[in-house]
Amino acid sequence: HVAGLTSSSQGSRNVVLPDLFNIIAIEMLDVSISEEAIEKALLNSLFGNSMLYSFSDKQFVKKVLNQLKALNLISSHWDNDHSILYWELTTRGKKLRDENTLIKTKDSLSIV
């Protein structure tokens, strides 16, 4: 387990780093996203509404991003025009995202 997540009003949850990566990675389909967008995605996925909740540890998202960067799953780049740091999947991160999310057999998907 990477961390015990605690929202300001929801209580706490234990979540493993691979689950956090999967939430973040699906948001990065061919786009870079800001830390704020990553935080909203995590809150929406874990607690249901990013408008109602926040992480008790204000550095939580930075800590997760730093761990994923150290694992060479994500990288960052600075946008001078907007003064925003954007995060994106590395080649390794894209491969892991696809391994975790792609449908493995044609029988797994039923399209009507």
C-alpha atoms as a PDB file:
ATOM      1  CA  HIS A   1       0.000   0.000   0.000  1.00  0.00           C
ATOM      2  CA  VAL A   2       1.318   3.373  -0.945  1.00  0.00           C
ATOM      3  CA  ALA A   3      -0.782   5.477   1.367  1.00  0.00           C
ATOM      4  CA  GLY A   4      -3.870   5.750   3.474  1.00  0.00           C
ATOM      5  CA  LEU A   5      -6.014   8.271   1.667  1.00  0.00           C
ATOM      6  CA  THR A   6      -8.053  10.592   3.798  1.00  0.00           C
ATOM      7  CA  SER A   7     -10.525  13.100   2.487  1.00  0.00           C
ATOM      8  CA  SER A   8     -11.595  15.977   4.662  1.00  0.00           C
ATOM      9  CA  SER A   9     -15.070  14.541   5.206  1.00  0.00           C
ATOM     10  CA  GLN A  10     -15.162  10.984   3.826  1.00  0.00           C
ATOM     11  CA  GLY A  11     -12.863   9.110   6.195  1.00  0.00           C
ATOM     12  CA  SER A  12      -9.911   7.111   4.944  1.00  0.00           C
ATOM     13  CA  ARG A  13      -9.137   4.411   2.389  1.00  0.00           C
ATOM     14  CA  ASN A  14      -6.126   2.276   1.656  1.00  0.00           C
ATOM     15  CA  VAL A  15      -5.182   2.332  -2.009  1.00  0.00           C
ATOM     16  CA  VAL A  16      -2.201   0.705  -3.693  1.00  0.00           C
ATOM     17  CA  LEU A  17       0.030   2.631  -6.073  1.00  0.00           C
ATOM     18  CA  PRO A  18      -0.955   0.524  -9.129  1.00  0.00           C
ATOM     19  CA  ASP A  19      -4.604   1.513  -8.600  1.00  0.00           C
ATOM     20  CA  LEU A  20      -3.654   5.178  -8.376  1.00  0.00           C
ATOM     21  CA  PHE A  21      -1.572   4.805 -11.541  1.00  0.00           C
ATOM     22  CA  ASN A  22      -4.527   3.254 -13.395  1.00  0.00           C
ATOM     23  CA  ILE A  23      -6.793   6.167 -12.440  1.00  0.00           C
ATOM     24  CA  ILE A  24      -4.218   8.720 -13.549  1.00  0.00           C
ATOM     25  CA  ALA A  25      -3.095   6.875 -16.687  1.00  0.00           C
ATOM     26  CA  ILE A  26      -6.563   6.569 -18.195  1.00  0.00           C
ATOM     27  CA  GLU A  27      -6.865  10.365 -17.950  1.00  0.00           C
ATOM     28  CA  MET A  28      -3.660  10.698 -19.984  1.00  0.00           C
ATOM     29  CA  LEU A  29      -4.872   9.106 -23.200  1.00  0.00           C
ATOM     30  CA  ASP A  30      -2.655  10.955 -25.696  1.00  0.00           C
ATOM     31  CA  VAL A  31      -2.715  14.161 -23.650  1.00  0.00           C
ATOM     32  CA  SER A  32      -0.715  15.790 -20.899  1.00  0.00           C
ATOM     33  CA  ILE A  33      -2.686  16.930 -17.867  1.00  0.00           C
ATOM     34  CA  SER A  34      -2.054  19.281 -14.976  1.00  0.00           C
ATOM     35  CA  GLU A  35      -1.635  18.326 -11.340  1.00  0.00           C
ATOM     36  CA  GLU A  36      -5.018  19.920 -10.636  1.00  0.00           C
ATOM     37  CA  ALA A  37      -6.674  17.660 -13.232  1.00  0.00           C
ATOM     38  CA  ILE A  38      -4.931  14.632 -11.714  1.00  0.00           C
ATOM     39  CA  GLU A  39      -6.173  15.548  -8.244  1.00  0.00           C
ATOM     40  CA  LYS A  40      -9.746  15.930  -9.529  1.00  0.00           C
ATOM     41  CA  ALA A  41      -9.560  12.563 -11.304  1.00  0.00           C
ATOM     42  CA  LEU A  42      -8.319  10.842  -8.141  1.00  0.00           C
ATOM     43  CA  LEU A  43     -10.962  12.460  -5.947  1.00  0.00           C
ATOM     44  CA  ASN A  44     -13.754  11.653  -8.408  1.00  0.00           C
ATOM     45  CA  SER A  45     -12.669   8.051  -8.708  1.00  0.00           C
ATOM     46  CA  LEU A  46     -11.978   7.420  -5.025  1.00  0.00           C
ATOM     47  CA  PHE A  47     -14.614   9.547  -3.295  1.00  0.00           C
ATOM     48  CA  GLY A  48     -17.196  10.337  -5.958  1.00  0.00           C
ATOM     49  CA  ASN A  49     -16.972  14.111  -6.231  1.00  0.00           C
ATOM     50  CA  SER A  50     -13.913  16.337  -6.459  1.00  0.00           C
ATOM     51  CA  MET A  51     -15.986  19.397  -5.546  1.00  0.00           C
ATOM     52  CA  LEU A  52     -16.957  18.062  -2.118  1.00  0.00           C
ATOM     53  CA  TYR A  53     -13.717  16.448  -0.980  1.00  0.00           C
ATOM     54  CA  SER A  54     -10.041  17.186  -0.686  1.00  0.00           C
ATOM     55  CA  PHE A  55      -7.028  15.220   0.499  1.00  0.00           C
ATOM     56  CA  SER A  56      -6.042  15.885   4.108  1.00  0.00           C
ATOM     57  CA  ASP A  57      -2.377  15.753   3.067  1.00  0.00           C
ATOM     58  CA  LYS A  58      -2.053  18.696   0.679  1.00  0.00           C
ATOM     59  CA  GLN A  59       1.136  17.138  -0.749  1.00  0.00           C
ATOM     60  CA  PHE A  60      -0.479  13.748  -1.453  1.00  0.00           C
ATOM     61  CA  VAL A  61      -0.806  14.187  -5.224  1.00  0.00           C
ATOM     62  CA  LYS A  62       2.768  15.503  -5.498  1.00  0.00           C
ATOM     63  CA  LYS A  63       4.009  12.459  -3.556  1.00  0.00           C
ATOM     64  CA  VAL A  64       2.149  10.056  -5.862  1.00  0.00           C
ATOM     65  CA  LEU A  65       3.414  11.853  -8.973  1.00  0.00           C
ATOM     66  CA  ASN A  66       6.966  11.772  -7.640  1.00  0.00           C
ATOM     67  CA  GLN A  67       6.724   8.013  -7.051  1.00  0.00           C
ATOM     68  CA  LEU A  68       5.340   7.409 -10.546  1.00  0.00           C
ATOM     69  CA  LYS A  69       8.071   9.615 -12.029  1.00  0.00           C
ATOM     70  CA  ALA A  70      10.755   7.690 -10.115  1.00  0.00           C
ATOM     71  CA  LEU A  71       9.344   4.488 -11.631  1.00  0.00           C
ATOM     72  CA  ASN A  72       9.671   6.077 -15.108  1.00  0.00           C
ATOM     73  CA  LEU A  73       5.913   5.805 -15.695  1.00  0.00           C
ATOM     74  CA  ILE A  74       5.279   9.536 -16.086  1.00  0.00           C
ATOM     75  CA  SER A  75       7.280  12.628 -16.938  1.00  0.00           C
ATOM     76  CA  SER A  76       6.612  16.339 -16.678  1.00  0.00           C
ATOM     77  CA  HIS A  77       7.110  19.419 -18.783  1.00  0.00           C
ATOM     78  CA  TRP A  78       6.644  23.098 -18.063  1.00  0.00           C
ATOM     79  CA  ASP A  79       4.350  25.223 -20.243  1.00  0.00           C
ATOM     80  CA  ASN A  80       5.874  28.714 -20.254  1.00  0.00           C
ATOM     81  CA  ASP A  81       2.847  30.281 -21.928  1.00  0.00           C
ATOM     82  CA  HIS A  82       0.438  29.160 -19.189  1.00  0.00           C
ATOM     83  CA  SER A  83       2.907  28.717 -16.295  1.00  0.00           C
ATOM     84  CA  ILE A  84       1.625  25.193 -15.652  1.00  0.00           C
ATOM     85  CA  LEU A  85       3.476  21.939 -15.092  1.00  0.00           C
ATOM     86  CA  TYR A  86       1.965  19.175 -17.214  1.00  0.00           C
ATOM     87  CA  TRP A  87       2.354  15.445 -16.666  1.00  0.00           C
ATOM     88  CA  GLU A  88       2.315  12.756 -19.337  1.00  0.00           C
ATOM     89  CA  LEU A  89       2.895   9.046 -19.642  1.00  0.00           C
ATOM     90  CA  THR A  90       6.297   7.801 -20.688  1.00  0.00           C
ATOM     91  CA  THR A  91       6.596   4.981 -23.212  1.00  0.00           C
ATOM     92  CA  ARG A  92       6.833   2.588 -20.264  1.00  0.00           C
ATOM     93  CA  GLY A  93       3.754   4.197 -18.665  1.00  0.00           C
ATOM     94  CA  LYS A  94       1.725   3.867 -21.881  1.00  0.00           C
ATOM     95  CA  LYS A  95       2.663   0.200 -22.140  1.00  0.00           C
ATOM     96  CA  LEU A  96       1.639  -0.480 -18.541  1.00  0.00           C
ATOM     97  CA  ARG A  97      -1.610   1.481 -18.961  1.00  0.00           C
ATOM     98  CA  ASP A  98      -2.479  -0.560 -22.027  1.00  0.00           C
ATOM     99  CA  GLU A  99      -1.589  -3.855 -20.328  1.00  0.00           C
ATOM    100  CA  ASN A 100      -3.894  -2.942 -17.438  1.00  0.00           C
ATOM    101  CA  THR A 101      -6.832  -1.573 -19.414  1.00  0.00           C
ATOM    102  CA  LEU A 102      -7.043  -3.146 -22.865  1.00  0.00           C
ATOM    103  CA  ILE A 103      -9.533  -5.923 -23.426  1.00  0.00           C
ATOM    104  CA  LYS A 104      -7.554  -9.116 -23.826  1.00  0.00           C
ATOM    105  CA  THR A 105      -9.988 -11.315 -25.789  1.00  0.00           C
ATOM    106  CA  LYS A 106     -12.637 -10.595 -28.375  1.00  0.00           C
ATOM    107  CA  ASP A 107     -15.183 -12.441 -26.199  1.00  0.00           C
ATOM    108  CA  SER A 108     -14.738  -9.894 -23.413  1.00  0.00           C
ATOM    109  CA  LEU A 109     -16.465  -7.135 -25.364  1.00  0.00           C
ATOM    110  CA  SER A 110     -20.059  -7.273 -26.487  1.00  0.00           C
ATOM    111  CA  ILE A 111     -21.081  -4.455 -28.812  1.00  0.00           C
ATOM    112  CA  VAL A 112     -24.730  -4.130 -29.613  1.00  0.00           C
END
